[in-house]
Amino acid sequence: MKSREEKEIMSKQFSSQALWRHKEKLVSGSLITSMEGLRNKWRVFPLVRRPVGRTFYGAGKRLPFHPNDFYPFGESSKITSAEEAEAALGISEEWYGNCGETNTGNKNPEDDGKPFFREGQAHIIDHDGDLISTQELIEEDPDFMIGEATIEIAQDWFSEVTLPIYDKHFDPDRVLMDHRHNIKWEYYNFDPLNNKRPPTPDQHTTAIGYYPWVTPEMVLKALHEFGKGNSMELRRLQPHVLMPVGWGFATPNGVDHAPTNYCTQEPQARYDEHLLVEDKCGERDLSWDIAWSAVRNEDYSPEDRNWETVIEKTDWDLVTDPNFVKKHQCLPVLDQKRTEDGDGTVTWVIYGNIRGDQMASTQRIVIPPKGRHVLYHPSWSICHALQGQGNIGGMKMKFEPRARIGQLTYDRWFTPYKNAIAPEGIEVVNTSRTKDLVFKCTFGPNAFPDGEQPVLG
């Protein structure tokens, strides 16, 4: 029998706060009971859906949320001003596995205008249906959740034990403004199930990098047009690359880019930072203050926030490389080895090194009706369903295409490191008689041995 002290340690305690529009209790304090319950019930841990909005643009309405929830506080037809954008916040992103802070500036009118509580931060649904911070669960048992190699990477990058990356879907209602990330790299994939209504032909292209003949002086002159509504001076210096549905791209930090109007999967480093170098996003004017609002002081001190410093910090060999597109484009590649582990098909859709290092990767798994497949992966993963229903690691899963904000759906999940590498793998069964089960698993830095992934370029 457990002592009274042991029972007190294991008993759940709950926070007085709750995630936005969630009625479930939020576990606080000891996570022993939740961790044991999860490990005894499932081999994958279900994730809570985490919607995020931005004020630069509206909702593209391709994320799997209910139509009434894309503008939870009311819709605007144009969103041309900051005031209008804040009043009509559009749900344009869904985040998976994020253990860091957001930098949106969003306020919740349902909570007296305070910042959203734990906006975009990952939470797991435990065996009782209560919610737990993913970060806190990692801290409870880091060896089980993420493994020694990731612990070392996280401590090197963030000086804490955490997930060093997160995944998300990004779904704007317009082509984005030109911008760069000073420290955050990103990968893109434009999945056909998220883009059943592809953009019009003139919006299939992404501006990225600069032509080989472009000089720093030319870019500096164009940047000084910021605030004058003359962004074509910058855009004319950039290749505009066709992005076919199903393909992807690896985008190093420090590269100016303006993504096309797709619903895009974007695994990335656990930072929420950007610098805007274009003064318009569709019809929305962007001010100097907005352009620099999400820049970290570690990257640009207040005294260094000028275009001359931006030019100095740019890696010109990288951004003007004539083979930049060839070296960074991700075409789907079959994983023949893992496809042989059952009835399904396993395809690499995100892969390759950024600045010489394997940062993240994604596999797209398709299992036919009534099919069975076993996943043998070398590390933890952040996963989300795109279609169908089934049983995954003992968890009953059914994709919800019209989820309400605050609804538990059990169609996003985290596979802990120890469960992923176990000899029995993760069994997946498609329980539908008519429809493919489709989902993606995203992996962190150095998850796969050298030579196992496809090579970019």
Protein backbone atom coordinates (compact mmCIF):
# COMPACT_ATOMS: atom_id res chain seq x y z
CA MET A 1 0.00 0.00 0.00
CA LYS A 2 1.10 3.56 -0.75
CA SER A 3 1.80 5.81 2.19
CA ARG A 4 -0.23 8.95 2.78
CA GLU A 5 2.73 11.04 1.59
CA GLU A 6 3.00 9.02 -1.62
CA LYS A 7 -0.72 9.38 -2.27
CA GLU A 8 -0.50 13.15 -1.77
CA ILE A 9 2.40 13.34 -4.23
CA MET A 10 0.46 11.33 -6.82
CA SER A 11 -2.88 13.07 -6.36
CA LYS A 12 -3.70 15.58 -9.07
CA GLN A 13 -3.85 19.28 -8.44
CA PHE A 14 -5.36 21.76 -10.87
CA SER A 15 -4.70 25.31 -11.98
CA SER A 16 -7.34 27.99 -11.56
CA GLN A 17 -6.72 28.99 -15.20
CA ALA A 18 -7.78 27.24 -18.39
CA LEU A 19 -6.77 27.24 -22.04
CA TRP A 20 -8.82 29.49 -24.29
CA ARG A 21 -12.40 28.14 -24.66
CA HIS A 22 -11.47 24.87 -22.97
CA LYS A 23 -13.60 23.48 -20.14
CA GLU A 24 -11.11 20.75 -19.23
CA LYS A 25 -9.06 21.03 -16.06
CA LEU A 26 -5.41 22.01 -16.34
CA VAL A 27 -3.11 19.84 -14.23
CA SER A 28 -0.73 21.73 -11.96
CA GLY A 29 1.96 20.45 -9.61
CA SER A 30 2.86 16.75 -9.62
CA LEU A 31 2.43 14.98 -12.98
CA ILE A 32 3.16 11.47 -11.71
CA THR A 33 -0.44 10.30 -12.00
CA SER A 34 -0.88 11.77 -15.47
CA MET A 35 2.40 10.32 -16.76
CA GLU A 36 1.65 6.84 -15.41
CA GLY A 37 -1.89 6.97 -16.77
CA LEU A 38 -0.71 7.98 -20.23
CA ARG A 39 1.99 5.33 -20.38
CA ASN A 40 -0.47 2.63 -19.32
CA LYS A 41 -3.17 3.66 -21.80
CA TRP A 42 -1.48 4.69 -25.07
CA ARG A 43 1.90 4.53 -26.80
CA VAL A 44 1.27 7.96 -28.33
CA PHE A 45 0.12 11.00 -26.35
CA PRO A 46 -2.78 13.05 -27.79
CA LEU A 47 -2.16 16.77 -28.29
CA VAL A 48 -4.60 19.63 -27.83
CA ARG A 49 -5.28 21.73 -30.93
CA ARG A 50 -3.59 25.13 -30.52
CA PRO A 51 -4.97 27.83 -32.87
CA VAL A 52 -2.99 31.07 -33.29
CA GLY A 53 -3.90 34.29 -35.09
CA ARG A 54 -1.82 37.10 -36.57
CA THR A 55 -2.71 40.71 -37.24
CA PHE A 56 -0.78 41.10 -40.55
CA TYR A 57 -3.38 39.11 -42.47
CA GLY A 58 -6.64 37.23 -42.13
CA ALA A 59 -7.60 33.55 -42.09
CA GLY A 60 -7.18 31.53 -45.28
CA LYS A 61 -9.97 29.21 -44.04
CA ARG A 62 -8.18 26.00 -45.06
CA LEU A 63 -7.29 24.84 -41.55
CA PRO A 64 -9.52 22.06 -40.15
CA PHE A 65 -11.61 24.33 -37.92
CA HIS A 66 -15.31 25.11 -37.96
CA PRO A 67 -16.19 27.98 -40.36
CA ASN A 68 -17.66 29.98 -37.47
CA ASP A 69 -14.33 29.89 -35.60
CA PHE A 70 -11.96 31.33 -38.20
CA TYR A 71 -12.88 34.80 -36.89
CA PRO A 72 -13.86 34.09 -33.29
CA PHE A 73 -14.55 37.77 -32.52
CA GLY A 74 -16.11 38.76 -35.86
CA GLU A 75 -14.85 38.95 -39.43
CA SER A 76 -13.54 41.92 -41.39
CA SER A 77 -13.70 42.02 -45.16
CA LYS A 78 -10.32 43.71 -45.76
CA ILE A 79 -8.18 44.14 -42.63
CA THR A 80 -6.25 47.21 -43.77
CA SER A 81 -5.45 48.75 -40.40
CA ALA A 82 -3.92 47.57 -37.14
CA GLU A 83 -7.06 48.47 -35.21
CA GLU A 84 -9.29 46.52 -37.58
CA ALA A 85 -6.95 43.51 -37.51
CA GLU A 86 -6.90 43.37 -33.72
CA ALA A 87 -10.69 43.55 -33.55
CA ALA A 88 -11.10 40.84 -36.21
CA LEU A 89 -8.39 38.35 -35.27
CA GLY A 90 -8.28 35.58 -37.86
CA ILE A 91 -7.18 32.05 -37.00
CA SER A 92 -4.44 31.59 -39.59
CA GLU A 93 -2.15 29.10 -37.84
CA GLU A 94 -2.28 25.86 -35.86
CA TRP A 95 0.78 24.96 -33.78
CA TYR A 96 1.95 21.48 -32.78
CA GLY A 97 4.46 20.66 -30.08
CA ASN A 98 5.49 24.22 -29.27
CA CYS A 99 7.13 24.57 -25.86
CA GLY A 100 8.17 28.21 -26.28
CA GLU A 101 6.56 31.64 -26.10
CA THR A 102 4.59 33.31 -28.88
CA ASN A 103 5.25 36.86 -29.99
CA THR A 104 1.94 37.83 -31.57
CA GLY A 105 0.81 40.65 -29.31
CA ASN A 106 -2.71 39.20 -29.46
CA LYS A 107 -5.21 40.16 -26.76
CA ASN A 108 -8.20 38.05 -25.70
CA PRO A 109 -11.44 40.09 -25.43
CA GLU A 110 -12.99 37.13 -23.60
CA ASP A 111 -10.41 37.61 -20.83
CA ASP A 112 -10.61 41.38 -20.26
CA GLY A 113 -8.20 42.09 -23.11
CA LYS A 114 -5.30 40.23 -21.51
CA PRO A 115 -2.78 38.31 -23.67
CA PHE A 116 -4.02 34.81 -24.50
CA PHE A 117 -3.08 32.39 -21.73
CA ARG A 118 -0.30 30.07 -22.97
CA GLU A 119 -1.04 31.06 -26.57
CA GLY A 120 0.17 28.41 -29.02
CA GLN A 121 1.85 26.32 -26.32
CA ALA A 122 1.54 22.54 -26.59
CA HIS A 123 -0.60 20.56 -24.15
CA ILE A 124 -1.28 16.84 -23.87
CA ILE A 125 -4.59 15.19 -23.00
CA ASP A 126 -4.04 12.68 -20.20
CA HIS A 127 -5.87 9.40 -19.56
CA ASP A 128 -8.60 11.19 -17.58
CA GLY A 129 -9.18 13.89 -20.19
CA ASP A 130 -7.32 16.53 -18.18
CA LEU A 131 -4.75 18.78 -19.87
CA ILE A 132 -1.01 18.97 -19.15
CA SER A 133 1.68 21.30 -20.42
CA THR A 134 3.89 19.33 -22.82
CA GLN A 135 6.90 21.21 -21.49
CA GLU A 136 6.10 20.16 -17.93
CA LEU A 137 5.62 16.55 -19.01
CA ILE A 138 9.02 16.61 -20.70
CA GLU A 139 10.56 17.94 -17.49
CA GLU A 140 8.85 15.10 -15.57
CA ASP A 141 10.77 12.42 -17.53
CA PRO A 142 13.01 13.88 -20.25
CA ASP A 143 14.79 10.59 -21.06
CA PHE A 144 11.46 8.92 -21.81
CA MET A 145 9.94 11.86 -23.67
CA ILE A 146 12.79 13.17 -25.86
CA GLY A 147 15.96 11.15 -25.22
CA GLU A 148 19.54 12.08 -24.39
CA ALA A 149 20.55 13.43 -27.83
CA THR A 150 17.67 15.94 -27.93
CA ILE A 151 18.30 16.92 -24.31
CA GLU A 152 21.86 17.93 -25.27
CA ILE A 153 20.68 19.89 -28.32
CA ALA A 154 17.98 21.69 -26.33
CA GLN A 155 20.39 22.65 -23.58
CA ASP A 156 22.84 23.95 -26.18
CA TRP A 157 20.18 26.00 -28.02
CA PHE A 158 17.92 27.10 -25.15
CA SER A 159 19.74 26.25 -21.90
CA GLU A 160 16.81 24.09 -20.81
CA VAL A 161 15.35 20.63 -21.41
CA THR A 162 12.67 21.14 -24.04
CA LEU A 163 11.58 20.37 -27.60
CA PRO A 164 13.97 22.43 -29.76
CA ILE A 165 11.49 22.60 -32.66
CA TYR A 166 7.78 22.77 -33.24
CA ASP A 167 5.54 22.16 -36.23
CA LYS A 168 2.65 24.25 -37.48
CA HIS A 169 0.23 24.92 -40.29
CA PHE A 170 0.31 28.44 -41.64
CA ASP A 171 -2.78 29.60 -43.55
CA PRO A 172 -2.95 33.30 -44.53
CA ASP A 173 -5.62 34.83 -46.75
CA ARG A 174 -3.04 36.55 -48.97
CA VAL A 175 0.51 36.42 -50.28
CA LEU A 176 2.78 37.44 -47.42
CA MET A 177 5.07 40.43 -47.14
CA ASP A 178 8.80 39.97 -47.65
CA HIS A 179 10.52 39.11 -44.38
CA ARG A 180 13.39 37.19 -42.85
CA HIS A 181 14.02 35.24 -39.66
CA ASN A 182 17.28 36.19 -38.02
CA ILE A 183 17.85 32.92 -36.16
CA LYS A 184 14.89 30.71 -37.03
CA TRP A 185 15.11 28.35 -39.99
CA GLU A 186 11.94 26.84 -41.53
CA TYR A 187 10.92 23.98 -43.78
CA TYR A 188 7.79 24.13 -45.96
CA ASN A 189 5.45 21.53 -47.41
CA PHE A 190 2.32 22.32 -49.41
CA ASP A 191 0.16 19.26 -48.82
CA PRO A 192 -2.59 18.53 -51.39
CA LEU A 193 -5.12 17.72 -48.65
CA ASN A 194 -4.60 21.22 -47.18
CA ASN A 195 -4.71 22.91 -50.57
CA LYS A 196 -7.76 21.55 -52.34
CA ARG A 197 -8.34 25.12 -53.53
CA PRO A 198 -4.85 26.12 -54.69
CA PRO A 199 -4.07 29.81 -55.14
CA THR A 200 -4.79 31.52 -58.43
CA PRO A 201 -1.95 31.13 -60.98
CA ASP A 202 -0.37 34.48 -60.14
CA GLN A 203 -0.07 33.44 -56.49
CA HIS A 204 1.76 30.13 -56.92
CA THR A 205 5.18 31.71 -56.54
CA THR A 206 7.32 32.55 -53.53
CA ALA A 207 9.91 35.31 -53.64
CA ILE A 208 13.07 33.97 -52.04
CA GLY A 209 16.66 35.17 -51.88
CA TYR A 210 18.15 37.45 -54.55
CA TYR A 211 19.33 37.08 -58.14
CA PRO A 212 23.10 36.41 -58.54
CA TRP A 213 23.63 39.87 -60.09
CA VAL A 214 22.11 41.72 -57.13
CA THR A 215 24.51 43.75 -54.97
CA PRO A 216 24.18 44.82 -51.32
CA GLU A 217 23.92 48.44 -52.51
CA MET A 218 20.90 47.60 -54.69
CA VAL A 219 19.10 45.92 -51.80
CA LEU A 220 19.94 48.76 -49.41
CA LYS A 221 18.46 51.29 -51.85
CA ALA A 222 15.29 49.18 -52.10
CA LEU A 223 15.01 48.80 -48.31
CA HIS A 224 15.11 52.56 -47.94
CA GLU A 225 11.83 52.63 -49.90
CA PHE A 226 10.13 51.07 -46.85
CA GLY A 227 7.16 53.19 -45.82
CA LYS A 228 6.72 54.70 -49.31
CA GLY A 229 4.53 51.92 -50.72
CA ASN A 230 7.12 51.05 -53.36
CA SER A 231 7.98 47.45 -52.45
CA MET A 232 8.41 46.45 -56.10
CA GLU A 233 11.87 47.99 -55.85
CA LEU A 234 12.74 45.06 -53.57
CA ARG A 235 10.65 42.38 -55.26
CA ARG A 236 12.23 42.99 -58.68
CA LEU A 237 15.57 41.85 -57.21
CA GLN A 238 14.23 38.45 -56.17
CA PRO A 239 13.50 35.20 -58.02
CA HIS A 240 9.82 34.26 -57.75
CA VAL A 241 9.82 30.47 -57.55
CA LEU A 242 6.96 28.19 -58.58
CA MET A 243 5.84 26.06 -55.61
CA PRO A 244 3.89 23.01 -56.83
CA VAL A 245 1.36 21.41 -54.50
CA GLY A 246 2.95 18.46 -52.69
CA TRP A 247 6.47 19.86 -52.85
CA GLY A 248 8.37 21.75 -50.19
CA PHE A 249 11.32 23.98 -49.42
CA ALA A 250 14.07 24.39 -46.83
CA THR A 251 14.51 28.05 -45.86
CA PRO A 252 17.66 29.01 -43.93
CA ASN A 253 17.56 31.80 -41.38
CA GLY A 254 18.62 35.19 -42.74
CA VAL A 255 17.05 34.72 -46.19
CA ASP A 256 14.42 37.25 -47.29
CA HIS A 257 11.29 35.53 -48.57
CA ALA A 258 7.62 36.21 -49.29
CA PRO A 259 5.60 32.95 -49.16
CA THR A 260 2.80 32.27 -51.59
CA ASN A 261 -0.82 31.94 -50.53
CA TYR A 262 -0.81 28.26 -49.57
CA CYS A 263 -1.81 26.45 -46.42
CA THR A 264 1.71 25.41 -45.51
CA GLN A 265 3.16 22.94 -43.04
CA GLU A 266 6.20 24.60 -41.43
CA PRO A 267 8.49 22.71 -39.01
CA GLN A 268 10.86 25.27 -37.50
CA ALA A 269 13.17 26.18 -34.67
CA ARG A 270 11.48 27.05 -31.37
CA TYR A 271 11.58 30.81 -31.85
CA ASP A 272 8.79 33.22 -32.76
CA GLU A 273 10.78 36.03 -34.37
CA HIS A 274 10.84 37.88 -37.69
CA LEU A 275 11.88 41.11 -39.39
CA LEU A 276 9.58 42.55 -42.05
CA VAL A 277 11.39 44.13 -45.01
CA GLU A 278 8.30 45.02 -47.04
CA ASP A 279 5.76 47.66 -46.01
CA LYS A 280 2.61 46.01 -47.35
CA CYS A 281 0.85 42.69 -46.81
CA GLY A 282 -1.91 42.65 -49.38
CA GLU A 283 -3.82 45.88 -48.71
CA ARG A 284 -2.49 46.18 -45.17
CA ASP A 285 0.09 48.90 -44.58
CA LEU A 286 2.92 47.89 -42.24
CA SER A 287 4.72 50.46 -40.11
CA TRP A 288 8.37 50.63 -39.09
CA ASP A 289 7.40 49.67 -35.53
CA ILE A 290 5.48 46.61 -36.73
CA ALA A 291 8.39 45.60 -38.97
CA TRP A 292 10.75 45.42 -35.99
CA SER A 293 8.23 44.33 -33.32
CA ALA A 294 9.24 40.65 -33.28
CA VAL A 295 13.00 41.12 -33.53
CA ARG A 296 15.05 39.90 -30.56
CA ASN A 297 17.48 42.24 -28.85
CA GLU A 298 20.08 39.46 -29.10
CA ASP A 299 19.90 39.79 -32.91
CA TYR A 300 19.52 43.57 -33.21
CA SER A 301 20.03 45.96 -30.34
CA PRO A 302 17.79 49.06 -30.39
CA GLU A 303 20.74 51.09 -31.69
CA ASP A 304 21.31 48.66 -34.58
CA ARG A 305 17.77 48.65 -35.95
CA ASN A 306 18.47 50.15 -39.35
CA TRP A 307 18.78 48.86 -42.91
CA GLU A 308 22.55 49.33 -43.01
CA THR A 309 22.95 46.78 -40.20
CA VAL A 310 20.55 44.42 -42.00
CA ILE A 311 22.79 44.55 -45.06
CA GLU A 312 25.89 43.89 -42.93
CA LYS A 313 24.29 40.84 -41.32
CA THR A 314 23.20 39.28 -44.64
CA ASP A 315 25.04 36.20 -45.94
CA TRP A 316 25.44 37.37 -49.52
CA ASP A 317 27.06 34.15 -50.76
CA LEU A 318 23.97 32.26 -49.59
CA VAL A 319 21.19 34.62 -50.71
CA THR A 320 22.63 35.21 -54.20
CA ASP A 321 23.71 31.61 -54.85
CA PRO A 322 22.59 30.83 -58.46
CA ASN A 323 21.75 27.28 -57.34
CA PHE A 324 19.90 28.33 -54.18
CA VAL A 325 16.53 26.92 -55.31
CA LYS A 326 18.01 23.62 -56.49
CA LYS A 327 19.86 23.20 -53.18
CA HIS A 328 16.79 23.83 -51.01
CA GLN A 329 13.74 22.41 -52.80
CA CYS A 330 12.13 19.26 -51.29
CA LEU A 331 10.54 16.92 -53.81
CA PRO A 332 8.59 13.96 -52.33
CA VAL A 333 10.79 10.86 -52.08
CA LEU A 334 9.58 7.35 -51.19
CA ASP A 335 11.09 5.79 -48.04
CA GLN A 336 11.33 2.29 -49.46
CA LYS A 337 12.70 0.80 -46.24
CA ARG A 338 9.79 1.94 -44.05
CA THR A 339 7.19 1.39 -46.75
CA GLU A 340 8.00 -2.33 -46.50
CA ASP A 341 6.87 -2.40 -42.85
CA GLY A 342 3.19 -2.84 -43.68
CA ASP A 343 0.42 -2.02 -46.11
CA GLY A 344 1.03 1.72 -46.23
CA THR A 345 3.29 4.12 -48.09
CA VAL A 346 5.89 6.24 -46.28
CA THR A 347 7.20 9.30 -48.12
CA TRP A 348 9.79 11.92 -47.22
CA VAL A 349 8.22 15.34 -47.80
CA ILE A 350 10.55 17.47 -45.63
CA TYR A 351 14.22 16.63 -45.30
CA GLY A 352 17.75 17.80 -45.86
CA ASN A 353 20.35 19.96 -44.14
CA ILE A 354 20.16 23.69 -43.48
CA ARG A 355 23.56 25.34 -43.26
CA GLY A 356 25.08 21.85 -43.04
CA ASP A 357 22.90 20.43 -40.25
CA GLN A 358 19.84 18.16 -40.19
CA MET A 359 17.33 20.39 -38.40
CA ALA A 360 13.96 18.70 -38.94
CA SER A 361 12.19 16.26 -41.24
CA THR A 362 8.69 15.05 -42.00
CA GLN A 363 7.29 11.80 -43.32
CA ARG A 364 3.83 11.50 -44.87
CA ILE A 365 2.19 8.14 -44.19
CA VAL A 366 -0.76 6.81 -46.20
CA ILE A 367 -2.45 3.57 -45.11
CA PRO A 368 -5.16 2.05 -47.34
CA PRO A 369 -8.61 1.01 -46.07
CA LYS A 370 -8.37 -1.81 -43.49
CA GLY A 371 -4.58 -1.70 -43.84
CA ARG A 372 -2.02 -2.15 -41.08
CA HIS A 373 1.45 -0.64 -40.76
CA VAL A 374 4.15 -0.56 -38.09
CA LEU A 375 6.27 2.57 -37.71
CA TYR A 376 9.89 2.04 -36.72
CA HIS A 377 11.32 5.50 -36.17
CA PRO A 378 14.61 6.43 -34.47
CA SER A 379 13.28 9.30 -32.36
CA TRP A 380 10.28 11.17 -30.96
CA SER A 381 7.85 12.81 -33.35
CA ILE A 382 5.10 15.43 -33.52
CA CYS A 383 2.21 14.09 -35.61
CA HIS A 384 -1.06 15.31 -37.11
CA ALA A 385 -3.76 13.59 -39.14
CA LEU A 386 -4.95 14.93 -42.48
CA GLN A 387 -7.67 12.40 -43.31
CA GLY A 388 -9.35 9.24 -42.10
CA GLN A 389 -9.64 7.22 -38.94
CA GLY A 390 -7.81 4.42 -37.19
CA ASN A 391 -5.99 3.15 -34.17
CA ILE A 392 -2.51 4.55 -33.57
CA GLY A 393 -0.39 3.18 -30.77
CA GLY A 394 -3.54 2.07 -28.96
CA MET A 395 -5.25 5.47 -29.35
CA LYS A 396 -8.51 5.63 -31.26
CA MET A 397 -8.14 8.43 -33.81
CA LYS A 398 -10.57 10.12 -36.19
CA PHE A 399 -9.66 13.25 -38.12
CA GLU A 400 -11.99 16.17 -37.37
CA PRO A 401 -12.14 18.57 -40.35
CA ARG A 402 -14.42 21.12 -38.64
CA ALA A 403 -13.15 21.28 -35.06
CA ARG A 404 -14.42 23.98 -32.73
CA ILE A 405 -11.93 26.02 -30.72
CA GLY A 406 -11.73 24.28 -27.35
CA GLN A 407 -12.76 20.86 -28.71
CA LEU A 408 -10.64 17.78 -27.94
CA THR A 409 -10.15 15.88 -31.20
CA TYR A 410 -7.49 13.18 -30.62
CA ASP A 411 -6.12 13.66 -34.16
CA ARG A 412 -2.78 15.27 -33.20
CA TRP A 413 -0.27 13.41 -31.06
CA PHE A 414 3.26 13.20 -29.72
CA THR A 415 5.20 9.94 -29.87
CA PRO A 416 7.64 9.77 -26.92
CA TYR A 417 11.22 8.81 -27.65
CA LYS A 418 11.24 5.55 -25.68
CA ASN A 419 8.03 4.34 -27.33
CA ALA A 420 9.28 5.28 -30.81
CA ILE A 421 12.52 3.30 -30.51
CA ALA A 422 10.97 0.23 -28.82
CA PRO A 423 11.44 -3.01 -30.81
CA GLU A 424 7.70 -3.40 -31.36
CA GLY A 425 7.41 0.03 -33.00
CA ILE A 426 4.11 1.90 -33.22
CA GLU A 427 1.27 -0.08 -34.77
CA VAL A 428 -1.21 1.82 -36.95
CA VAL A 429 -4.46 0.34 -38.24
CA ASN A 430 -6.82 2.02 -40.68
CA THR A 431 -10.33 1.14 -39.46
CA SER A 432 -12.12 2.61 -42.48
CA ARG A 433 -13.40 0.36 -45.24
CA THR A 434 -13.36 3.10 -47.87
CA LYS A 435 -10.90 5.91 -47.13
CA ASP A 436 -7.13 6.16 -46.81
CA LEU A 437 -5.70 7.14 -43.44
CA VAL A 438 -3.24 10.00 -44.02
CA PHE A 439 -1.00 11.60 -41.39
CA LYS A 440 2.40 13.22 -41.01
CA CYS A 441 5.16 12.75 -38.44
CA THR A 442 7.74 15.49 -37.90
CA PHE A 443 11.13 14.78 -36.32
CA GLY A 444 13.71 16.96 -34.64
CA PRO A 445 17.40 17.69 -35.27
CA ASN A 446 19.65 14.74 -36.18
CA ALA A 447 16.80 12.26 -35.74
CA PHE A 448 17.99 10.04 -38.59
CA PRO A 449 21.46 8.58 -39.19
CA ASP A 450 23.56 10.12 -41.95
CA GLY A 451 22.66 8.73 -45.33
CA GLU A 452 19.12 7.67 -44.41
CA GLN A 453 17.39 10.84 -45.59
CA PRO A 454 17.29 12.09 -49.20
CA VAL A 455 19.79 14.81 -50.07
CA LEU A 456 18.67 18.27 -51.22
CA GLY A 457 19.81 19.41 -54.63
